[in-house]
């Protein structure tokens, strides 16, 4: 199998008082795909308790609609990378608490 194309972009969220998040859903058009989301920048204003996470929250593919954890907890693991066949859409999310975070997402199409 070889990479035949890719889609990519970035997202960010900022809040210095409460939790905040931003999501983006990307249409993929039925490709076998590797999907990846990675945090590349965080910035805090000196707060002692802060968090930034970037991850996949949903994938629609040949496996059906799969929903993954939407926040970092002790009971669920965040999903930063995933491979599925016949992907039609994927949702990426960044979540922050008392910080600013920036993440990039990439989708590699396979044939």
N, C-alpha and C. Protein backbone atom coordinates (compact mmCIF):
# COMPACT_ATOMS: atom_id res chain seq x y z
N UNK A 1 0.84 -1.18 0.00
CA UNK A 1 0.00 0.00 0.00
C UNK A 1 0.88 1.25 0.00
N UNK A 2 0.38 2.29 -0.63
CA UNK A 2 1.14 3.54 -0.72
C UNK A 2 0.23 4.73 -0.39
N UNK A 3 0.83 5.79 0.08
CA UNK A 3 0.09 7.03 0.33
C UNK A 3 -0.26 7.65 -1.02
N UNK A 4 -1.56 7.91 -1.23
CA UNK A 4 -2.01 8.48 -2.51
C UNK A 4 -2.45 9.93 -2.37
N UNK A 5 -2.54 10.42 -1.16
CA UNK A 5 -2.93 11.81 -0.94
C UNK A 5 -3.00 12.10 0.54
N UNK A 6 -3.21 13.37 0.87
CA UNK A 6 -3.33 13.74 2.27
C UNK A 6 -4.18 15.00 2.44
N UNK A 7 -4.72 15.16 3.62
CA UNK A 7 -5.44 16.35 4.02
C UNK A 7 -4.82 16.78 5.34
N UNK A 8 -4.80 18.09 5.60
CA UNK A 8 -4.20 18.56 6.84
C UNK A 8 -4.74 19.94 7.20
N UNK A 9 -4.54 20.31 8.43
CA UNK A 9 -4.95 21.62 8.91
C UNK A 9 -4.56 21.77 10.37
N UNK A 10 -5.05 22.82 11.00
CA UNK A 10 -4.72 23.04 12.40
C UNK A 10 -5.92 23.61 13.13
N UNK A 11 -5.88 23.56 14.45
CA UNK A 11 -6.92 24.11 15.28
C UNK A 11 -6.31 24.60 16.59
N UNK A 12 -7.00 25.53 17.23
CA UNK A 12 -6.48 26.05 18.49
C UNK A 12 -7.64 26.42 19.41
N UNK A 13 -7.33 26.52 20.70
CA UNK A 13 -8.31 26.94 21.71
C UNK A 13 -7.55 27.69 22.79
N UNK A 14 -8.26 28.65 23.43
CA UNK A 14 -7.63 29.43 24.48
C UNK A 14 -8.67 29.82 25.51
N UNK A 15 -8.31 29.65 26.77
CA UNK A 15 -9.15 30.13 27.86
C UNK A 15 -8.31 30.13 29.13
N UNK A 16 -8.34 31.23 29.86
CA UNK A 16 -7.54 31.33 31.08
C UNK A 16 -8.40 31.33 32.33
N UNK A 17 -9.69 30.99 32.20
CA UNK A 17 -10.58 30.92 33.36
C UNK A 17 -11.23 29.54 33.51
N UNK A 18 -11.71 28.99 32.43
CA UNK A 18 -12.49 27.76 32.46
C UNK A 18 -12.00 26.81 31.37
N UNK A 19 -12.47 25.57 31.37
CA UNK A 19 -12.15 24.66 30.26
C UNK A 19 -12.77 25.18 28.95
N UNK A 20 -12.09 24.96 27.85
CA UNK A 20 -12.58 25.38 26.53
C UNK A 20 -12.09 24.37 25.51
N UNK A 21 -12.82 24.22 24.40
CA UNK A 21 -12.40 23.30 23.36
C UNK A 21 -12.86 23.79 21.99
N UNK A 22 -12.27 23.20 20.96
CA UNK A 22 -12.65 23.49 19.58
C UNK A 22 -12.52 22.18 18.79
N UNK A 23 -13.51 21.91 17.95
CA UNK A 23 -13.51 20.69 17.13
C UNK A 23 -13.66 21.03 15.66
N UNK A 24 -13.16 20.15 14.81
CA UNK A 24 -13.35 20.26 13.37
C UNK A 24 -13.64 18.87 12.83
N UNK A 25 -14.66 18.77 11.96
CA UNK A 25 -15.00 17.51 11.30
C UNK A 25 -14.59 17.63 9.84
N UNK A 26 -13.84 16.64 9.37
CA UNK A 26 -13.29 16.64 8.02
C UNK A 26 -13.91 15.50 7.22
N UNK A 27 -14.38 15.78 6.01
CA UNK A 27 -14.93 14.77 5.10
C UNK A 27 -13.78 14.11 4.35
N UNK A 28 -13.83 12.79 4.21
CA UNK A 28 -12.69 12.05 3.63
C UNK A 28 -13.04 11.35 2.32
N UNK A 29 -14.26 11.03 2.00
CA UNK A 29 -14.70 10.47 0.73
C UNK A 29 -14.29 9.02 0.49
N UNK A 30 -14.32 8.18 1.55
CA UNK A 30 -14.17 6.74 1.38
C UNK A 30 -12.79 6.18 1.20
N UNK A 31 -11.77 6.88 1.62
CA UNK A 31 -10.40 6.36 1.51
C UNK A 31 -10.03 5.52 2.74
N UNK A 32 -9.14 4.53 2.56
CA UNK A 32 -8.48 3.92 3.70
C UNK A 32 -7.52 4.98 4.21
N UNK A 33 -7.52 5.24 5.52
CA UNK A 33 -6.80 6.41 6.03
C UNK A 33 -6.12 6.18 7.36
N UNK A 34 -4.98 6.85 7.52
CA UNK A 34 -4.34 7.02 8.81
C UNK A 34 -4.63 8.46 9.22
N UNK A 35 -5.24 8.63 10.40
CA UNK A 35 -5.60 9.96 10.91
C UNK A 35 -4.77 10.25 12.14
N UNK A 36 -4.25 11.48 12.23
CA UNK A 36 -3.31 11.82 13.28
C UNK A 36 -3.57 13.24 13.77
N UNK A 37 -3.55 13.44 15.08
CA UNK A 37 -3.73 14.76 15.68
C UNK A 37 -2.62 14.96 16.71
N UNK A 38 -1.92 16.10 16.65
CA UNK A 38 -0.78 16.30 17.52
C UNK A 38 -0.73 17.73 18.05
N UNK A 39 -0.57 17.86 19.35
CA UNK A 39 -0.41 19.16 20.00
C UNK A 39 0.99 19.68 19.68
N UNK A 40 1.11 20.92 19.19
CA UNK A 40 2.44 21.44 18.89
C UNK A 40 2.80 22.69 19.66
N UNK A 41 1.85 23.28 20.41
CA UNK A 41 2.18 24.48 21.17
C UNK A 41 1.22 24.65 22.34
N UNK A 42 1.76 25.02 23.48
CA UNK A 42 0.93 25.41 24.62
C UNK A 42 1.55 26.65 25.24
N UNK A 43 0.70 27.45 25.87
CA UNK A 43 1.17 28.65 26.53
C UNK A 43 0.31 28.89 27.75
N UNK A 44 0.94 29.12 28.89
CA UNK A 44 0.20 29.38 30.13
C UNK A 44 0.63 30.72 30.69
N UNK A 45 -0.22 31.27 31.54
CA UNK A 45 0.06 32.57 32.16
C UNK A 45 0.46 32.38 33.62
N UNK A 46 1.25 31.37 33.90
CA UNK A 46 1.75 31.15 35.24
C UNK A 46 0.83 30.37 36.16
N UNK A 47 -0.25 29.83 35.64
CA UNK A 47 -1.16 29.03 36.46
C UNK A 47 -0.47 27.72 36.86
N UNK A 48 -0.72 27.27 38.07
CA UNK A 48 -0.09 26.04 38.52
C UNK A 48 -0.82 24.79 38.03
N UNK A 49 -2.10 24.93 37.67
CA UNK A 49 -2.87 23.78 37.17
C UNK A 49 -3.41 24.12 35.78
N UNK A 50 -2.92 23.44 34.77
CA UNK A 50 -3.36 23.69 33.40
C UNK A 50 -3.24 22.40 32.60
N UNK A 51 -3.94 22.36 31.46
CA UNK A 51 -3.90 21.16 30.61
C UNK A 51 -4.21 21.53 29.17
N UNK A 52 -3.61 20.80 28.24
CA UNK A 52 -3.90 20.92 26.81
C UNK A 52 -3.86 19.52 26.21
N UNK A 53 -4.87 19.16 25.44
CA UNK A 53 -4.94 17.85 24.80
C UNK A 53 -5.43 18.01 23.37
N UNK A 54 -4.92 17.18 22.45
CA UNK A 54 -5.39 17.13 21.07
C UNK A 54 -5.64 15.67 20.72
N UNK A 55 -6.80 15.39 20.09
CA UNK A 55 -7.17 14.00 19.90
C UNK A 55 -8.32 13.85 18.90
N UNK A 56 -8.65 12.60 18.56
CA UNK A 56 -9.75 12.26 17.66
C UNK A 56 -10.96 11.89 18.52
N UNK A 57 -12.13 12.46 18.21
CA UNK A 57 -13.33 12.15 19.00
C UNK A 57 -14.33 11.25 18.27
N UNK A 58 -14.28 11.26 16.92
CA UNK A 58 -15.22 10.42 16.17
C UNK A 58 -14.64 10.07 14.81
N UNK A 59 -14.96 8.84 14.35
CA UNK A 59 -14.58 8.41 13.01
C UNK A 59 -15.77 7.64 12.41
N UNK A 60 -16.12 7.98 11.17
CA UNK A 60 -17.15 7.26 10.45
C UNK A 60 -16.44 6.53 9.30
N UNK A 61 -16.56 5.20 9.31
CA UNK A 61 -15.82 4.39 8.34
C UNK A 61 -16.57 3.08 8.08
N UNK A 62 -15.87 2.12 7.47
CA UNK A 62 -16.46 0.79 7.26
C UNK A 62 -16.82 0.13 8.59
N UNK A 63 -16.22 0.57 9.69
CA UNK A 63 -16.54 0.05 11.03
C UNK A 63 -17.79 0.67 11.60
N UNK A 64 -18.41 1.63 10.90
CA UNK A 64 -19.57 2.34 11.41
C UNK A 64 -19.14 3.64 12.08
N UNK A 65 -20.01 4.17 12.93
CA UNK A 65 -19.70 5.40 13.66
C UNK A 65 -19.04 5.00 14.98
N UNK A 66 -17.80 5.45 15.15
CA UNK A 66 -17.06 5.18 16.38
C UNK A 66 -16.86 6.48 17.14
N UNK A 67 -17.29 6.52 18.39
CA UNK A 67 -17.09 7.67 19.25
C UNK A 67 -16.02 7.32 20.28
N UNK A 68 -15.07 8.23 20.46
CA UNK A 68 -13.96 8.03 21.38
C UNK A 68 -14.07 9.03 22.53
N UNK A 69 -13.32 8.84 23.63
CA UNK A 69 -13.40 9.78 24.76
C UNK A 69 -13.21 11.23 24.30
N UNK A 70 -14.01 12.13 24.89
CA UNK A 70 -13.96 13.55 24.52
C UNK A 70 -13.25 14.41 25.55
N UNK A 71 -12.77 13.78 26.62
CA UNK A 71 -11.96 14.51 27.59
C UNK A 71 -11.01 13.53 28.28
N UNK A 72 -9.93 14.07 28.80
CA UNK A 72 -8.91 13.26 29.43
C UNK A 72 -9.34 12.92 30.85
N UNK A 73 -9.65 11.65 31.09
CA UNK A 73 -10.07 11.18 32.41
C UNK A 73 -9.32 9.91 32.76
N UNK A 74 -9.45 9.48 33.99
CA UNK A 74 -8.78 8.24 34.39
C UNK A 74 -9.46 7.01 33.80
N UNK A 75 -10.72 7.15 33.36
CA UNK A 75 -11.46 6.00 32.84
C UNK A 75 -11.38 5.84 31.32
N UNK A 76 -10.86 6.83 30.61
CA UNK A 76 -10.81 6.72 29.15
C UNK A 76 -9.51 7.24 28.59
N UNK A 77 -9.00 6.59 27.56
CA UNK A 77 -7.78 7.04 26.91
C UNK A 77 -8.11 7.84 25.66
N UNK A 78 -7.47 8.98 25.50
CA UNK A 78 -7.65 9.79 24.30
C UNK A 78 -7.02 9.07 23.12
N UNK A 79 -7.56 9.30 21.92
CA UNK A 79 -7.08 8.64 20.70
C UNK A 79 -6.39 9.69 19.82
N UNK A 80 -5.05 9.68 19.73
CA UNK A 80 -4.35 10.66 18.91
C UNK A 80 -4.08 10.20 17.47
N UNK A 81 -4.13 8.87 17.22
CA UNK A 81 -3.86 8.35 15.88
C UNK A 81 -4.72 7.11 15.66
N UNK A 82 -5.14 6.91 14.38
CA UNK A 82 -6.09 5.84 14.08
C UNK A 82 -5.96 5.45 12.61
N UNK A 83 -6.13 4.16 12.30
CA UNK A 83 -6.23 3.69 10.92
C UNK A 83 -7.59 3.02 10.75
N UNK A 84 -8.30 3.38 9.68
CA UNK A 84 -9.58 2.75 9.35
C UNK A 84 -9.72 2.64 7.83
N UNK A 85 -10.55 1.70 7.39
CA UNK A 85 -10.83 1.53 5.96
C UNK A 85 -12.11 2.26 5.60
N UNK A 86 -12.19 2.76 4.38
CA UNK A 86 -13.37 3.45 3.84
C UNK A 86 -13.87 4.57 4.76
N UNK A 87 -12.99 5.47 5.14
CA UNK A 87 -13.34 6.58 6.04
C UNK A 87 -14.15 7.61 5.27
N UNK A 88 -15.25 8.08 5.88
CA UNK A 88 -16.04 9.16 5.27
C UNK A 88 -15.93 10.46 6.05
N UNK A 89 -15.66 10.40 7.37
CA UNK A 89 -15.41 11.62 8.13
C UNK A 89 -14.68 11.31 9.42
N UNK A 90 -13.97 12.30 9.91
CA UNK A 90 -13.26 12.20 11.19
C UNK A 90 -13.35 13.55 11.89
N UNK A 91 -13.50 13.51 13.22
CA UNK A 91 -13.58 14.74 14.01
C UNK A 91 -12.36 14.82 14.93
N UNK A 92 -11.65 15.95 14.83
CA UNK A 92 -10.49 16.24 15.67
C UNK A 92 -10.89 17.28 16.70
N UNK A 93 -10.26 17.25 17.88
CA UNK A 93 -10.60 18.19 18.94
C UNK A 93 -9.35 18.61 19.71
N UNK A 94 -9.33 19.88 20.11
CA UNK A 94 -8.33 20.36 21.06
C UNK A 94 -9.10 20.85 22.28
N UNK A 95 -8.57 20.53 23.45
CA UNK A 95 -9.21 20.90 24.71
C UNK A 95 -8.17 21.55 25.61
N UNK A 96 -8.51 22.68 26.23
CA UNK A 96 -7.57 23.38 27.10
C UNK A 96 -8.22 23.77 28.42
N UNK A 97 -7.39 23.93 29.42
CA UNK A 97 -7.82 24.44 30.72
C UNK A 97 -6.74 25.40 31.23
N UNK A 98 -7.07 26.64 31.40
CA UNK A 98 -6.19 27.70 31.86
C UNK A 98 -4.91 27.79 31.03
N UNK A 99 -5.07 27.69 29.71
CA UNK A 99 -3.93 27.77 28.80
C UNK A 99 -4.40 28.02 27.37
N UNK A 100 -3.47 28.22 26.49
CA UNK A 100 -3.73 28.28 25.04
C UNK A 100 -3.02 27.08 24.43
N UNK A 101 -3.69 26.38 23.53
CA UNK A 101 -3.07 25.24 22.86
C UNK A 101 -3.31 25.29 21.36
N UNK A 102 -2.33 24.80 20.61
CA UNK A 102 -2.44 24.70 19.15
C UNK A 102 -2.08 23.27 18.75
N UNK A 103 -2.82 22.74 17.78
CA UNK A 103 -2.59 21.37 17.31
C UNK A 103 -2.71 21.32 15.79
N UNK A 104 -2.10 20.30 15.22
CA UNK A 104 -2.26 20.05 13.79
C UNK A 104 -2.90 18.69 13.61
N UNK A 105 -3.68 18.55 12.52
CA UNK A 105 -4.27 17.26 12.18
C UNK A 105 -3.86 16.89 10.76
N UNK A 106 -3.71 15.58 10.52
CA UNK A 106 -3.34 15.09 9.19
C UNK A 106 -4.11 13.81 8.91
N UNK A 107 -4.50 13.64 7.65
CA UNK A 107 -5.15 12.42 7.19
C UNK A 107 -4.38 11.94 5.95
N UNK A 108 -3.82 10.73 6.04
CA UNK A 108 -3.07 10.14 4.94
C UNK A 108 -3.99 9.13 4.24
N UNK A 109 -4.18 9.27 2.94
CA UNK A 109 -5.02 8.35 2.16
C UNK A 109 -4.14 7.23 1.62
N UNK A 110 -4.61 6.00 1.77
CA UNK A 110 -3.87 4.82 1.34
C UNK A 110 -4.60 4.09 0.22
N UNK A 111 -3.84 3.47 -0.67
CA UNK A 111 -4.42 2.65 -1.73
C UNK A 111 -3.67 1.35 -1.87
